[in-house]
Amino acid sequence: MMTLMPIETDDLFEDDMAGCVPVADAATGEVRLLSERCSTCIFRPGNPFRSTMPARIREMIADAVADEGHVTCHATLPGSAPAGVEPAICRGFADTYGDRSLALRFGDALGLVREIPPPS
């Protein structure tokens, strides 16, 4: 079984946190993935963030792809998510770049991807 290491976040900027939040269950190794795009997904056409923060979104996606990482759904981030909702990989990112994400490739190969509904 794959061992997941905790990520030190003391020296990270707040903007970088979305890429550093664990999306895998430490006990089971299951990788959480939204079953569908959340209502405010940055990958949805017409999303207001696409017009107000296009450079930041492009940079976040490019960094995730370059690092074979992922984008965590903003609606599942600690401090933003409703109580009991755990961080999960953005469905829009997975649909578009999932083949470049190490977590999704390994999770899929091991049968450890668990789809969860987006928070309400």
PDB file of N, CA and C in Angstrom:
ATOM      1  N   MET A   1       0.838  -1.171   0.000  1.00  0.00           N
ATOM      2  CA  MET A   1       0.000   0.000   0.000  1.00  0.00           C
ATOM      3  C   MET A   1       0.891   1.245   0.000  1.00  0.00           C
ATOM      4  N   MET A   2       0.452   2.264  -0.703  1.00  0.00           N
ATOM      5  CA  MET A   2       1.191   3.506  -0.812  1.00  0.00           C
ATOM      6  C   MET A   2       1.122   4.270   0.515  1.00  0.00           C
ATOM      7  N   THR A   3       2.255   4.818   0.966  1.00  0.00           N
ATOM      8  CA  THR A   3       2.287   5.625   2.166  1.00  0.00           C
ATOM      9  C   THR A   3       2.195   7.086   1.767  1.00  0.00           C
ATOM     10  N   LEU A   4       1.250   7.802   2.344  1.00  0.00           N
ATOM     11  CA  LEU A   4       1.073   9.209   2.035  1.00  0.00           C
ATOM     12  C   LEU A   4       1.759  10.031   3.108  1.00  0.00           C
ATOM     13  N   MET A   5       2.613  10.943   2.677  1.00  0.00           N
ATOM     14  CA  MET A   5       3.344  11.787   3.604  1.00  0.00           C
ATOM     15  C   MET A   5       2.584  13.081   3.842  1.00  0.00           C
ATOM     16  N   PRO A   6       2.547  13.569   5.080  1.00  0.00           N
ATOM     17  CA  PRO A   6       1.915  14.858   5.329  1.00  0.00           C
ATOM     18  C   PRO A   6       2.722  15.963   4.665  1.00  0.00           C
ATOM     19  N   ILE A   7       2.042  17.023   4.300  1.00  0.00           N
ATOM     20  CA  ILE A   7       2.690  18.141   3.638  1.00  0.00           C
ATOM     21  C   ILE A   7       2.822  19.274   4.635  1.00  0.00           C
ATOM     22  N   GLU A   8       4.032  19.807   4.750  1.00  0.00           N
ATOM     23  CA  GLU A   8       4.258  20.956   5.621  1.00  0.00           C
ATOM     24  C   GLU A   8       3.733  22.196   4.914  1.00  0.00           C
ATOM     25  N   THR A   9       2.909  22.965   5.590  1.00  0.00           N
ATOM     26  CA  THR A   9       2.314  24.137   4.953  1.00  0.00           C
ATOM     27  C   THR A   9       2.707  25.442   5.633  1.00  0.00           C
ATOM     28  N   ASP A  10       3.574  25.398   6.629  1.00  0.00           N
ATOM     29  CA  ASP A  10       3.916  26.613   7.365  1.00  0.00           C
ATOM     30  C   ASP A  10       4.492  27.712   6.485  1.00  0.00           C
ATOM     31  N   ASP A  11       5.248  27.342   5.452  1.00  0.00           N
ATOM     32  CA  ASP A  11       5.906  28.358   4.647  1.00  0.00           C
ATOM     33  C   ASP A  11       5.223  28.590   3.299  1.00  0.00           C
ATOM     34  N   LEU A  12       3.987  28.154   3.154  1.00  0.00           N
ATOM     35  CA  LEU A  12       3.280  28.341   1.901  1.00  0.00           C
ATOM     36  C   LEU A  12       2.404  29.578   1.950  1.00  0.00           C
ATOM     37  N   PHE A  13       2.272  30.215   0.805  1.00  0.00           N
ATOM     38  CA  PHE A  13       1.351  31.338   0.701  1.00  0.00           C
ATOM     39  C   PHE A  13      -0.062  30.798   0.634  1.00  0.00           C
ATOM     40  N   GLU A  14      -1.015  31.583   1.081  1.00  0.00           N
ATOM     41  CA  GLU A  14      -2.410  31.160   1.089  1.00  0.00           C
ATOM     42  C   GLU A  14      -2.866  30.751  -0.305  1.00  0.00           C
ATOM     43  N   ASP A  15      -2.443  31.485  -1.352  1.00  0.00           N
ATOM     44  CA  ASP A  15      -2.849  31.167  -2.722  1.00  0.00           C
ATOM     45  C   ASP A  15      -2.374  29.788  -3.162  1.00  0.00           C
ATOM     46  N   ASP A  16      -1.311  29.290  -2.558  1.00  0.00           N
ATOM     47  CA  ASP A  16      -0.758  27.997  -2.940  1.00  0.00           C
ATOM     48  C   ASP A  16      -1.437  26.834  -2.232  1.00  0.00           C
ATOM     49  N   MET A  17      -2.292  27.103  -1.281  1.00  0.00           N
ATOM     50  CA  MET A  17      -2.860  26.050  -0.464  1.00  0.00           C
ATOM     51  C   MET A  17      -3.718  25.067  -1.244  1.00  0.00           C
ATOM     52  N   ALA A  18      -4.412  25.513  -2.291  1.00  0.00           N
ATOM     53  CA  ALA A  18      -5.297  24.612  -3.022  1.00  0.00           C
ATOM     54  C   ALA A  18      -4.546  23.421  -3.597  1.00  0.00           C
ATOM     55  N   GLY A  19      -3.299  23.610  -3.980  1.00  0.00           N
ATOM     56  CA  GLY A  19      -2.528  22.523  -4.543  1.00  0.00           C
ATOM     57  C   GLY A  19      -1.891  21.625  -3.501  1.00  0.00           C
ATOM     58  N   CYS A  20      -1.973  21.999  -2.231  1.00  0.00           N
ATOM     59  CA  CYS A  20      -1.257  21.280  -1.181  1.00  0.00           C
ATOM     60  C   CYS A  20      -2.161  20.559  -0.201  1.00  0.00           C
ATOM     61  N   VAL A  21      -3.440  20.697  -0.341  1.00  0.00           N
ATOM     62  CA  VAL A  21      -4.373  20.067   0.582  1.00  0.00           C
ATOM     63  C   VAL A  21      -4.505  18.589   0.226  1.00  0.00           C
ATOM     64  N   PRO A  22      -4.306  17.683   1.178  1.00  0.00           N
ATOM     65  CA  PRO A  22      -4.411  16.255   0.878  1.00  0.00           C
ATOM     66  C   PRO A  22      -5.811  15.871   0.395  1.00  0.00           C
ATOM     67  N   VAL A  23      -5.869  15.129  -0.702  1.00  0.00           N
ATOM     68  CA  VAL A  23      -7.138  14.661  -1.256  1.00  0.00           C
ATOM     69  C   VAL A  23      -7.270  13.148  -1.137  1.00  0.00           C
ATOM     70  N   ALA A  24      -6.330  12.533  -0.428  1.00  0.00           N
ATOM     71  CA  ALA A  24      -6.370  11.081  -0.230  1.00  0.00           C
ATOM     72  C   ALA A  24      -6.593  10.779   1.248  1.00  0.00           C
ATOM     73  N   ASP A  25      -7.345   9.753   1.502  1.00  0.00           N
ATOM     74  CA  ASP A  25      -7.586   9.301   2.862  1.00  0.00           C
ATOM     75  C   ASP A  25      -6.311   8.645   3.383  1.00  0.00           C
ATOM     76  N   ALA A  26      -5.801   9.140   4.492  1.00  0.00           N
ATOM     77  CA  ALA A  26      -4.542   8.627   5.036  1.00  0.00           C
ATOM     78  C   ALA A  26      -4.629   7.159   5.441  1.00  0.00           C
ATOM     79  N   ALA A  27      -5.789   6.699   5.860  1.00  0.00           N
ATOM     80  CA  ALA A  27      -5.936   5.313   6.316  1.00  0.00           C
ATOM     81  C   ALA A  27      -6.102   4.332   5.164  1.00  0.00           C
ATOM     82  N   THR A  28      -6.859   4.726   4.141  1.00  0.00           N
ATOM     83  CA  THR A  28      -7.180   3.781   3.061  1.00  0.00           C
ATOM     84  C   THR A  28      -6.419   4.043   1.763  1.00  0.00           C
ATOM     85  N   GLY A  29      -5.904   5.265   1.601  1.00  0.00           N
ATOM     86  CA  GLY A  29      -5.238   5.631   0.357  1.00  0.00           C
ATOM     87  C   GLY A  29      -6.203   6.050  -0.742  1.00  0.00           C
ATOM     88  N   GLU A  30      -7.505   6.016  -0.458  1.00  0.00           N
ATOM     89  CA  GLU A  30      -8.481   6.406  -1.475  1.00  0.00           C
ATOM     90  C   GLU A  30      -8.318   7.885  -1.832  1.00  0.00           C
ATOM     91  N   VAL A  31      -8.334   8.154  -3.136  1.00  0.00           N
ATOM     92  CA  VAL A  31      -8.227   9.510  -3.648  1.00  0.00           C
ATOM     93  C   VAL A  31      -9.642  10.022  -3.900  1.00  0.00           C
ATOM     94  N   ARG A  32      -9.988  11.151  -3.276  1.00  0.00           N
ATOM     95  CA  ARG A  32     -11.320  11.725  -3.442  1.00  0.00           C
ATOM     96  C   ARG A  32     -11.365  12.579  -4.710  1.00  0.00           C
ATOM     97  N   LEU A  33     -12.394  12.353  -5.514  1.00  0.00           N
ATOM     98  CA  LEU A  33     -12.621  13.068  -6.760  1.00  0.00           C
ATOM     99  C   LEU A  33     -14.096  13.443  -6.806  1.00  0.00           C
ATOM    100  N   LEU A  34     -14.393  14.692  -7.140  1.00  0.00           N
ATOM    101  CA  LEU A  34     -15.801  15.056  -7.258  1.00  0.00           C
ATOM    102  C   LEU A  34     -16.448  14.255  -8.378  1.00  0.00           C
ATOM    103  N   SER A  35     -17.666  13.812  -8.160  1.00  0.00           N
ATOM    104  CA  SER A  35     -18.390  13.011  -9.147  1.00  0.00           C
ATOM    105  C   SER A  35     -18.879  13.863 -10.314  1.00  0.00           C
ATOM    106  N   GLU A  36     -18.991  15.163 -10.092  1.00  0.00           N
ATOM    107  CA  GLU A  36     -19.363  16.110 -11.142  1.00  0.00           C
ATOM    108  C   GLU A  36     -18.807  17.472 -10.759  1.00  0.00           C
ATOM    109  N   ARG A  37     -18.813  18.390 -11.695  1.00  0.00           N
ATOM    110  CA  ARG A  37     -18.299  19.727 -11.422  1.00  0.00           C
ATOM    111  C   ARG A  37     -19.200  20.435 -10.417  1.00  0.00           C
ATOM    112  N   CYS A  38     -18.588  21.166  -9.502  1.00  0.00           N
ATOM    113  CA  CYS A  38     -19.385  21.951  -8.558  1.00  0.00           C
ATOM    114  C   CYS A  38     -20.045  23.101  -9.314  1.00  0.00           C
ATOM    115  N   SER A  39     -20.994  23.750  -8.686  1.00  0.00           N
ATOM    116  CA  SER A  39     -21.763  24.793  -9.370  1.00  0.00           C
ATOM    117  C   SER A  39     -20.919  26.007  -9.741  1.00  0.00           C
ATOM    118  N   THR A  40     -19.779  26.194  -9.086  1.00  0.00           N
ATOM    119  CA  THR A  40     -18.921  27.336  -9.388  1.00  0.00           C
ATOM    120  C   THR A  40     -17.549  26.905  -9.901  1.00  0.00           C
ATOM    121  N   CYS A  41     -17.488  25.759 -10.549  1.00  0.00           N
ATOM    122  CA  CYS A  41     -16.224  25.202 -11.053  1.00  0.00           C
ATOM    123  C   CYS A  41     -15.530  26.188 -12.000  1.00  0.00           C
ATOM    124  N   ILE A  42     -14.235  26.356 -11.822  1.00  0.00           N
ATOM    125  CA  ILE A  42     -13.469  27.246 -12.692  1.00  0.00           C
ATOM    126  C   ILE A  42     -13.413  26.730 -14.126  1.00  0.00           C
ATOM    127  N   PHE A  43     -13.796  25.503 -14.353  1.00  0.00           N
ATOM    128  CA  PHE A  43     -13.810  24.938 -15.707  1.00  0.00           C
ATOM    129  C   PHE A  43     -15.170  25.093 -16.385  1.00  0.00           C
ATOM    130  N   ARG A  44     -16.152  25.651 -15.690  1.00  0.00           N
ATOM    131  CA  ARG A  44     -17.470  25.882 -16.294  1.00  0.00           C
ATOM    132  C   ARG A  44     -17.424  27.147 -17.140  1.00  0.00           C
ATOM    133  N   PRO A  45     -17.951  27.083 -18.363  1.00  0.00           N
ATOM    134  CA  PRO A  45     -18.043  28.307 -19.169  1.00  0.00           C
ATOM    135  C   PRO A  45     -18.885  29.348 -18.423  1.00  0.00           C
ATOM    136  N   GLY A  46     -18.450  30.583 -18.488  1.00  0.00           N
ATOM    137  CA  GLY A  46     -19.189  31.656 -17.838  1.00  0.00           C
ATOM    138  C   GLY A  46     -18.874  31.850 -16.371  1.00  0.00           C
ATOM    139  N   ASN A  47     -17.989  31.022 -15.807  1.00  0.00           N
ATOM    140  CA  ASN A  47     -17.622  31.188 -14.406  1.00  0.00           C
ATOM    141  C   ASN A  47     -16.979  32.559 -14.231  1.00  0.00           C
ATOM    142  N   PRO A  48     -17.435  33.342 -13.242  1.00  0.00           N
ATOM    143  CA  PRO A  48     -16.890  34.702 -13.072  1.00  0.00           C
ATOM    144  C   PRO A  48     -15.393  34.742 -12.780  1.00  0.00           C
ATOM    145  N   PHE A  49     -14.849  33.711 -12.158  1.00  0.00           N
ATOM    146  CA  PHE A  49     -13.410  33.710 -11.881  1.00  0.00           C
ATOM    147  C   PHE A  49     -12.587  33.645 -13.162  1.00  0.00           C
ATOM    148  N   ARG A  50     -13.142  33.065 -14.217  1.00  0.00           N
ATOM    149  CA  ARG A  50     -12.411  32.971 -15.484  1.00  0.00           C
ATOM    150  C   ARG A  50     -12.155  34.350 -16.079  1.00  0.00           C
ATOM    151  N   SER A  51     -13.046  35.310 -15.796  1.00  0.00           N
ATOM    152  CA  SER A  51     -12.844  36.655 -16.329  1.00  0.00           C
ATOM    153  C   SER A  51     -12.145  37.577 -15.337  1.00  0.00           C
ATOM    154  N   THR A  52     -12.284  37.327 -14.035  1.00  0.00           N
ATOM    155  CA  THR A  52     -11.667  38.211 -13.047  1.00  0.00           C
ATOM    156  C   THR A  52     -10.257  37.776 -12.652  1.00  0.00           C
ATOM    157  N   MET A  53      -9.952  36.496 -12.803  1.00  0.00           N
ATOM    158  CA  MET A  53      -8.642  35.976 -12.406  1.00  0.00           C
ATOM    159  C   MET A  53      -8.073  35.018 -13.453  1.00  0.00           C
ATOM    160  N   PRO A  54      -8.129  35.340 -14.737  1.00  0.00           N
ATOM    161  CA  PRO A  54      -7.695  34.364 -15.736  1.00  0.00           C
ATOM    162  C   PRO A  54      -6.226  33.981 -15.627  1.00  0.00           C
ATOM    163  N   ALA A  55      -5.362  34.933 -15.322  1.00  0.00           N
ATOM    164  CA  ALA A  55      -3.933  34.612 -15.217  1.00  0.00           C
ATOM    165  C   ALA A  55      -3.670  33.668 -14.051  1.00  0.00           C
ATOM    166  N   ARG A  56      -4.311  33.912 -12.920  1.00  0.00           N
ATOM    167  CA  ARG A  56      -4.111  33.057 -11.743  1.00  0.00           C
ATOM    168  C   ARG A  56      -4.616  31.639 -12.008  1.00  0.00           C
ATOM    169  N   ILE A  57      -5.745  31.520 -12.674  1.00  0.00           N
ATOM    170  CA  ILE A  57      -6.292  30.198 -12.996  1.00  0.00           C
ATOM    171  C   ILE A  57      -5.370  29.465 -13.963  1.00  0.00           C
ATOM    172  N   ARG A  58      -4.910  30.155 -15.006  1.00  0.00           N
ATOM    173  CA  ARG A  58      -3.979  29.521 -15.966  1.00  0.00           C
ATOM    174  C   ARG A  58      -2.707  29.062 -15.259  1.00  0.00           C
ATOM    175  N   GLU A  59      -2.180  29.905 -14.363  1.00  0.00           N
ATOM    176  CA  GLU A  59      -0.961  29.567 -13.630  1.00  0.00           C
ATOM    177  C   GLU A  59      -1.179  28.347 -12.722  1.00  0.00           C
ATOM    178  N   MET A  60      -2.295  28.325 -12.018  1.00  0.00           N
ATOM    179  CA  MET A  60      -2.597  27.214 -11.112  1.00  0.00           C
ATOM    180  C   MET A  60      -2.705  25.905 -11.897  1.00  0.00           C
ATOM    181  N   ILE A  61      -3.382  25.944 -13.032  1.00  0.00           N
ATOM    182  CA  ILE A  61      -3.542  24.745 -13.858  1.00  0.00           C
ATOM    183  C   ILE A  61      -2.197  24.320 -14.444  1.00  0.00           C
ATOM    184  N   ALA A  62      -1.441  25.286 -14.973  1.00  0.00           N
ATOM    185  CA  ALA A  62      -0.128  24.968 -15.560  1.00  0.00           C
ATOM    186  C   ALA A  62       0.803  24.357 -14.521  1.00  0.00           C
ATOM    187  N   ASP A  63       0.799  24.906 -13.307  1.00  0.00           N
ATOM    188  CA  ASP A  63       1.640  24.358 -12.239  1.00  0.00           C
ATOM    189  C   ASP A  63       1.227  22.931 -11.892  1.00  0.00           C
ATOM    190  N   ALA A  64      -0.075  22.689 -11.795  1.00  0.00           N
ATOM    191  CA  ALA A  64      -0.566  21.346 -11.464  1.00  0.00           C
ATOM    192  C   ALA A  64      -0.178  20.346 -12.549  1.00  0.00           C
ATOM    193  N   VAL A  65      -0.325  20.730 -13.800  1.00  0.00           N
ATOM    194  CA  VAL A  65       0.023  19.838 -14.913  1.00  0.00           C
ATOM    195  C   VAL A  65       1.528  19.585 -14.932  1.00  0.00           C
ATOM    196  N   ALA A  66       2.322  20.640 -14.779  1.00  0.00           N
ATOM    197  CA  ALA A  66       3.784  20.498 -14.801  1.00  0.00           C
ATOM    198  C   ALA A  66       4.286  19.597 -13.676  1.00  0.00           C
ATOM    199  N   ASP A  67       3.620  19.650 -12.523  1.00  0.00           N
ATOM    200  CA  ASP A  67       4.034  18.853 -11.363  1.00  0.00           C
ATOM    201  C   ASP A  67       3.374  17.478 -11.310  1.00  0.00           C
ATOM    202  N   GLU A  68       2.585  17.133 -12.338  1.00  0.00           N
ATOM    203  CA  GLU A  68       1.785  15.906 -12.347  1.00  0.00           C
ATOM    204  C   GLU A  68       0.875  15.864 -11.116  1.00  0.00           C
ATOM    205  N   GLY A  69       0.389  17.032 -10.742  1.00  0.00           N
ATOM    206  CA  GLY A  69      -0.468  17.155  -9.576  1.00  0.00           C
ATOM    207  C   GLY A  69      -1.932  17.249  -9.955  1.00  0.00           C
ATOM    208  N   HIS A  70      -2.646  18.093  -9.248  1.00  0.00           N
ATOM    209  CA  HIS A  70      -4.082  18.252  -9.456  1.00  0.00           C
ATOM    210  C   HIS A  70      -4.509  19.598  -8.902  1.00  0.00           C
ATOM    211  N   VAL A  71      -5.727  19.976  -9.185  1.00  0.00           N
ATOM    212  CA  VAL A  71      -6.347  21.151  -8.591  1.00  0.00           C
ATOM    213  C   VAL A  71      -7.411  20.633  -7.633  1.00  0.00           C
ATOM    214  N   THR A  72      -7.358  21.114  -6.413  1.00  0.00           N
ATOM    215  CA  THR A  72      -8.370  20.750  -5.432  1.00  0.00           C
ATOM    216  C   THR A  72      -9.574  21.664  -5.624  1.00  0.00           C
ATOM    217  N   CYS A  73     -10.758  21.095  -5.624  1.00  0.00           N
ATOM    218  CA  CYS A  73     -11.978  21.892  -5.769  1.00  0.00           C
ATOM    219  C   CYS A  73     -12.044  22.915  -4.640  1.00  0.00           C
ATOM    220  N   HIS A  74     -12.217  24.181  -5.025  1.00  0.00           N
ATOM    221  CA  HIS A  74     -12.267  25.254  -4.030  1.00  0.00           C
ATOM    222  C   HIS A  74     -13.438  25.087  -3.055  1.00  0.00           C
ATOM    223  N   ALA A  75     -14.500  24.445  -3.498  1.00  0.00           N
ATOM    224  CA  ALA A  75     -15.673  24.246  -2.639  1.00  0.00           C
ATOM    225  C   ALA A  75     -15.435  23.172  -1.580  1.00  0.00           C
ATOM    226  N   THR A  76     -14.298  22.450  -1.681  1.00  0.00           N
ATOM    227  CA  THR A  76     -13.975  21.413  -0.695  1.00  0.00           C
ATOM    228  C   THR A  76     -12.788  21.801   0.185  1.00  0.00           C
ATOM    229  N   LEU A  77     -12.272  23.010   0.014  1.00  0.00           N
ATOM    230  CA  LEU A  77     -11.116  23.435   0.796  1.00  0.00           C
ATOM    231  C   LEU A  77     -11.500  23.723   2.241  1.00  0.00           C
ATOM    232  N   PRO A  78     -10.621  23.370   3.182  1.00  0.00           N
ATOM    233  CA  PRO A  78     -10.877  23.699   4.587  1.00  0.00           C
ATOM    234  C   PRO A  78     -11.106  25.204   4.724  1.00  0.00           C
ATOM    235  N   GLY A  79     -12.099  25.563   5.501  1.00  0.00           N
ATOM    236  CA  GLY A  79     -12.427  26.965   5.686  1.00  0.00           C
ATOM    237  C   GLY A  79     -13.487  27.454   4.710  1.00  0.00           C
ATOM    238  N   SER A  80     -13.642  26.752   3.595  1.00  0.00           N
ATOM    239  CA  SER A  80     -14.661  27.109   2.601  1.00  0.00           C
ATOM    240  C   SER A  80     -15.755  26.058   2.533  1.00  0.00           C
ATOM    241  N   ALA A  81     -15.385  24.831   2.778  1.00  0.00           N
ATOM    242  CA  ALA A  81     -16.320  23.708   2.646  1.00  0.00           C
ATOM    243  C   ALA A  81     -17.256  23.617   3.849  1.00  0.00           C
ATOM    244  N   PRO A  82     -18.455  23.100   3.603  1.00  0.00           N
ATOM    245  CA  PRO A  82     -19.357  22.836   4.735  1.00  0.00           C
ATOM    246  C   PRO A  82     -18.748  21.782   5.669  1.00  0.00           C
ATOM    247  N   ALA A  83     -19.196  21.763   6.883  1.00  0.00           N
ATOM    248  CA  ALA A  83     -18.709  20.797   7.869  1.00  0.00           C
ATOM    249  C   ALA A  83     -18.836  19.373   7.330  1.00  0.00           C
ATOM    250  N   GLY A  84     -17.797  18.587   7.533  1.00  0.00           N
ATOM    251  CA  GLY A  84     -17.804  17.187   7.128  1.00  0.00           C
ATOM    252  C   GLY A  84     -17.367  16.923   5.699  1.00  0.00           C
ATOM    253  N   VAL A  85     -17.162  17.976   4.905  1.00  0.00           N
ATOM    254  CA  VAL A  85     -16.721  17.799   3.524  1.00  0.00           C
ATOM    255  C   VAL A  85     -15.196  17.778   3.494  1.00  0.00           C
ATOM    256  N   GLU A  86     -14.651  16.729   2.890  1.00  0.00           N
ATOM    257  CA  GLU A  86     -13.197  16.601   2.806  1.00  0.00           C
ATOM    258  C   GLU A  86     -12.715  17.074   1.440  1.00  0.00           C
ATOM    259  N   PRO A  87     -11.479  17.570   1.365  1.00  0.00           N
ATOM    260  CA  PRO A  87     -10.936  18.044   0.093  1.00  0.00           C
ATOM    261  C   PRO A  87     -10.969  16.948  -0.978  1.00  0.00           C
ATOM    262  N   ALA A  88     -11.261  17.367  -2.207  1.00  0.00           N
ATOM    263  CA  ALA A  88     -11.348  16.436  -3.333  1.00  0.00           C
ATOM    264  C   ALA A  88     -10.803  17.105  -4.589  1.00  0.00           C
ATOM    265  N   ILE A  89     -10.370  16.299  -5.519  1.00  0.00           N
ATOM    266  CA  ILE A  89      -9.868  16.813  -6.790  1.00  0.00           C
ATOM    267  C   ILE A  89     -11.027  17.389  -7.590  1.00  0.00           C
ATOM    268  N   CYS A  90     -10.771  18.538  -8.189  1.00  0.00           N
ATOM    269  CA  CYS A  90     -11.748  19.228  -9.028  1.00  0.00           C
ATOM    270  C   CYS A  90     -12.120  18.349 -10.223  1.00  0.00           C
ATOM    271  N   ARG A  91     -13.418  18.171 -10.440  1.00  0.00           N
ATOM    272  CA  ARG A  91     -13.884  17.331 -11.549  1.00  0.00           C
ATOM    273  C   ARG A  91     -13.537  17.946 -12.897  1.00  0.00           C
ATOM    274  N   GLY A  92     -13.627  19.263 -12.995  1.00  0.00           N
ATOM    275  CA  GLY A  92     -13.266  19.928 -14.240  1.00  0.00           C
ATOM    276  C   GLY A  92     -11.805  19.686 -14.593  1.00  0.00           C
ATOM    277  N   PHE A  93     -10.925  19.746 -13.592  1.00  0.00           N
ATOM    278  CA  PHE A  93      -9.513  19.462 -13.825  1.00  0.00           C
ATOM    279  C   PHE A  93      -9.336  18.004 -14.248  1.00  0.00           C
ATOM    280  N   ALA A  94      -9.985  17.096 -13.543  1.00  0.00           N
ATOM    281  CA  ALA A  94      -9.854  15.667 -13.854  1.00  0.00           C
ATOM    282  C   ALA A  94     -10.351  15.360 -15.266  1.00  0.00           C
ATOM    283  N   ASP A  95     -11.466  15.970 -15.666  1.00  0.00           N
ATOM    284  CA  ASP A  95     -12.005  15.721 -17.007  1.00  0.00           C
ATOM    285  C   ASP A  95     -11.078  16.241 -18.090  1.00  0.00           C
ATOM    286  N   THR A  96     -10.369  17.315 -17.802  1.00  0.00           N
ATOM    287  CA  THR A  96      -9.522  17.953 -18.803  1.00  0.00           C
ATOM    288  C   THR A  96      -8.079  17.463 -18.755  1.00  0.00           C
ATOM    289  N   TYR A  97      -7.531  17.299 -17.559  1.00  0.00           N
ATOM    290  CA  TYR A  97      -6.107  16.971 -17.394  1.00  0.00           C
ATOM    291  C   TYR A  97      -5.854  15.741 -16.534  1.00  0.00           C
ATOM    292  N   GLY A  98      -6.852  14.964 -16.243  1.00  0.00           N
ATOM    293  CA  GLY A  98      -6.714  13.839 -15.323  1.00  0.00           C
ATOM    294  C   GLY A  98      -5.640  12.836 -15.696  1.00  0.00           C
ATOM    295  N   ASP A  99      -5.392  12.680 -16.994  1.00  0.00           N
ATOM    296  CA  ASP A  99      -4.359  11.736 -17.428  1.00  0.00           C
ATOM    297  C   ASP A  99      -2.957  12.215 -17.065  1.00  0.00           C
ATOM    298  N   ARG A 100      -2.832  13.463 -16.637  1.00  0.00           N
ATOM    299  CA  ARG A 100      -1.529  14.022 -16.259  1.00  0.00           C
ATOM    300  C   ARG A 100      -1.340  14.080 -14.745  1.00  0.00           C
ATOM    301  N   SER A 101      -2.339  13.655 -13.993  1.00  0.00           N
ATOM    302  CA  SER A 101      -2.292  13.706 -12.535  1.00  0.00           C
ATOM    303  C   SER A 101      -1.809  12.375 -11.974  1.00  0.00           C
ATOM    304  N   LEU A 102      -0.710  12.432 -11.251  1.00  0.00           N
ATOM    305  CA  LEU A 102      -0.157  11.228 -10.637  1.00  0.00           C
ATOM    306  C   LEU A 102      -1.140  10.593  -9.660  1.00  0.00           C
ATOM    307  N   ALA A 103      -1.795  11.407  -8.850  1.00  0.00           N
ATOM    308  CA  ALA A 103      -2.758  10.876  -7.873  1.00  0.00           C
ATOM    309  C   ALA A 103      -3.885  10.132  -8.574  1.00  0.00           C
ATOM    310  N   LEU A 104      -4.396  10.710  -9.656  1.00  0.00           N
ATOM    311  CA  LEU A 104      -5.492  10.044 -10.370  1.00  0.00           C
ATOM    312  C   LEU A 104      -5.017   8.806 -11.120  1.00  0.00           C
ATOM    313  N   ARG A 105      -3.836   8.853 -11.709  1.00  0.00           N
ATOM    314  CA  ARG A 105      -3.318   7.675 -12.423  1.00  0.00           C
ATOM    315  C   ARG A 105      -3.079   6.519 -11.458  1.00  0.00           C
ATOM    316  N   PHE A 106      -2.400   6.795 -10.339  1.00  0.00           N
ATOM    317  CA  PHE A 106      -2.152   5.738  -9.353  1.00  0.00           C
ATOM    318  C   PHE A 106      -3.453   5.263  -8.729  1.00  0.00           C
ATOM    319  N   GLY A 107      -4.289   6.212  -8.343  1.00  0.00           N
ATOM    320  CA  GLY A 107      -5.570   5.846  -7.735  1.00  0.00           C
ATOM    321  C   GLY A 107      -6.398   4.978  -8.650  1.00  0.00           C
ATOM    322  N   ASP A 108      -6.440   5.334  -9.924  1.00  0.00           N
ATOM    323  CA  ASP A 108      -7.197   4.556 -10.903  1.00  0.00           C
ATOM    324  C   ASP A 108      -6.593   3.161 -11.081  1.00  0.00           C
ATOM    325  N   ALA A 109      -5.270   3.106 -11.197  1.00  0.00           N
ATOM    326  CA  ALA A 109      -4.594   1.821 -11.395  1.00  0.00           C
ATOM    327  C   ALA A 109      -4.813   0.875 -10.214  1.00  0.00           C
ATOM    328  N   LEU A 110      -4.917   1.439  -9.025  1.00  0.00           N
ATOM    329  CA  LEU A 110      -5.086   0.629  -7.816  1.00  0.00           C
ATOM    330  C   LEU A 110      -6.544   0.488  -7.382  1.00  0.00           C
ATOM    331  N   GLY A 111      -7.442   1.073  -8.154  1.00  0.00           N
ATOM    332  CA  GLY A 111      -8.855   1.018  -7.798  1.00  0.00           C
ATOM    333  C   GLY A 111      -9.175   1.814  -6.538  1.00  0.00           C
ATOM    334  N   LEU A 112      -8.450   2.905  -6.336  1.00  0.00           N
ATOM    335  CA  LEU A 112      -8.611   3.681  -5.111  1.00  0.00           C
ATOM    336  C   LEU A 112      -9.179   5.083  -5.343  1.00  0.00           C
ATOM    337  N   VAL A 113      -9.818   5.329  -6.483  1.00  0.00           N
ATOM    338  CA  VAL A 113     -10.463   6.619  -6.702  1.00  0.00           C
ATOM    339  C   VAL A 113     -11.897   6.504  -6.196  1.00  0.00           C
ATOM    340  N   ARG A 114     -12.258   7.404  -5.277  1.00  0.00           N
ATOM    341  CA  ARG A 114     -13.623   7.404  -4.730  1.00  0.00           C
ATOM    342  C   ARG A 114     -14.284   8.710  -5.135  1.00  0.00           C
ATOM    343  N   GLU A 115     -15.332   8.588  -5.940  1.00  0.00           N
ATOM    344  CA  GLU A 115     -16.070   9.772  -6.361  1.00  0.00           C
ATOM    345  C   GLU A 115     -17.037  10.186  -5.271  1.00  0.00           C
ATOM    346  N   ILE A 116     -17.040  11.486  -5.000  1.00  0.00           N
ATOM    347  CA  ILE A 116     -17.929  12.037  -3.989  1.00  0.00           C
ATOM    348  C   ILE A 116     -18.729  13.177  -4.625  1.00  0.00           C
ATOM    349  N   PRO A 117     -19.942  13.408  -4.158  1.00  0.00           N
ATOM    350  CA  PRO A 117     -20.741  14.497  -4.738  1.00  0.00           C
ATOM    351  C   PRO A 117     -20.173  15.843  -4.323  1.00  0.00           C
ATOM    352  N   PRO A 118     -20.349  16.846  -5.184  1.00  0.00           N
ATOM    353  CA  PRO A 118     -19.902  18.197  -4.786  1.00  0.00           C
ATOM    354  C   PRO A 118     -20.729  18.702  -3.605  1.00  0.00           C
ATOM    355  N   PRO A 119     -20.130  19.555  -2.778  1.00  0.00           N
ATOM    356  CA  PRO A 119     -20.894  20.092  -1.662  1.00  0.00           C
ATOM    357  C   PRO A 119     -22.032  20.977  -2.157  1.00  0.00           C
ATOM    358  N   SER A 120     -23.074  21.041  -1.367  1.00  0.00           N
ATOM    359  CA  SER A 120     -24.233  21.871  -1.718  1.00  0.00           C
ATOM    360  C   SER A 120     -23.967  23.314  -1.386  1.00  0.00           C
TER     361      SER A 120
END
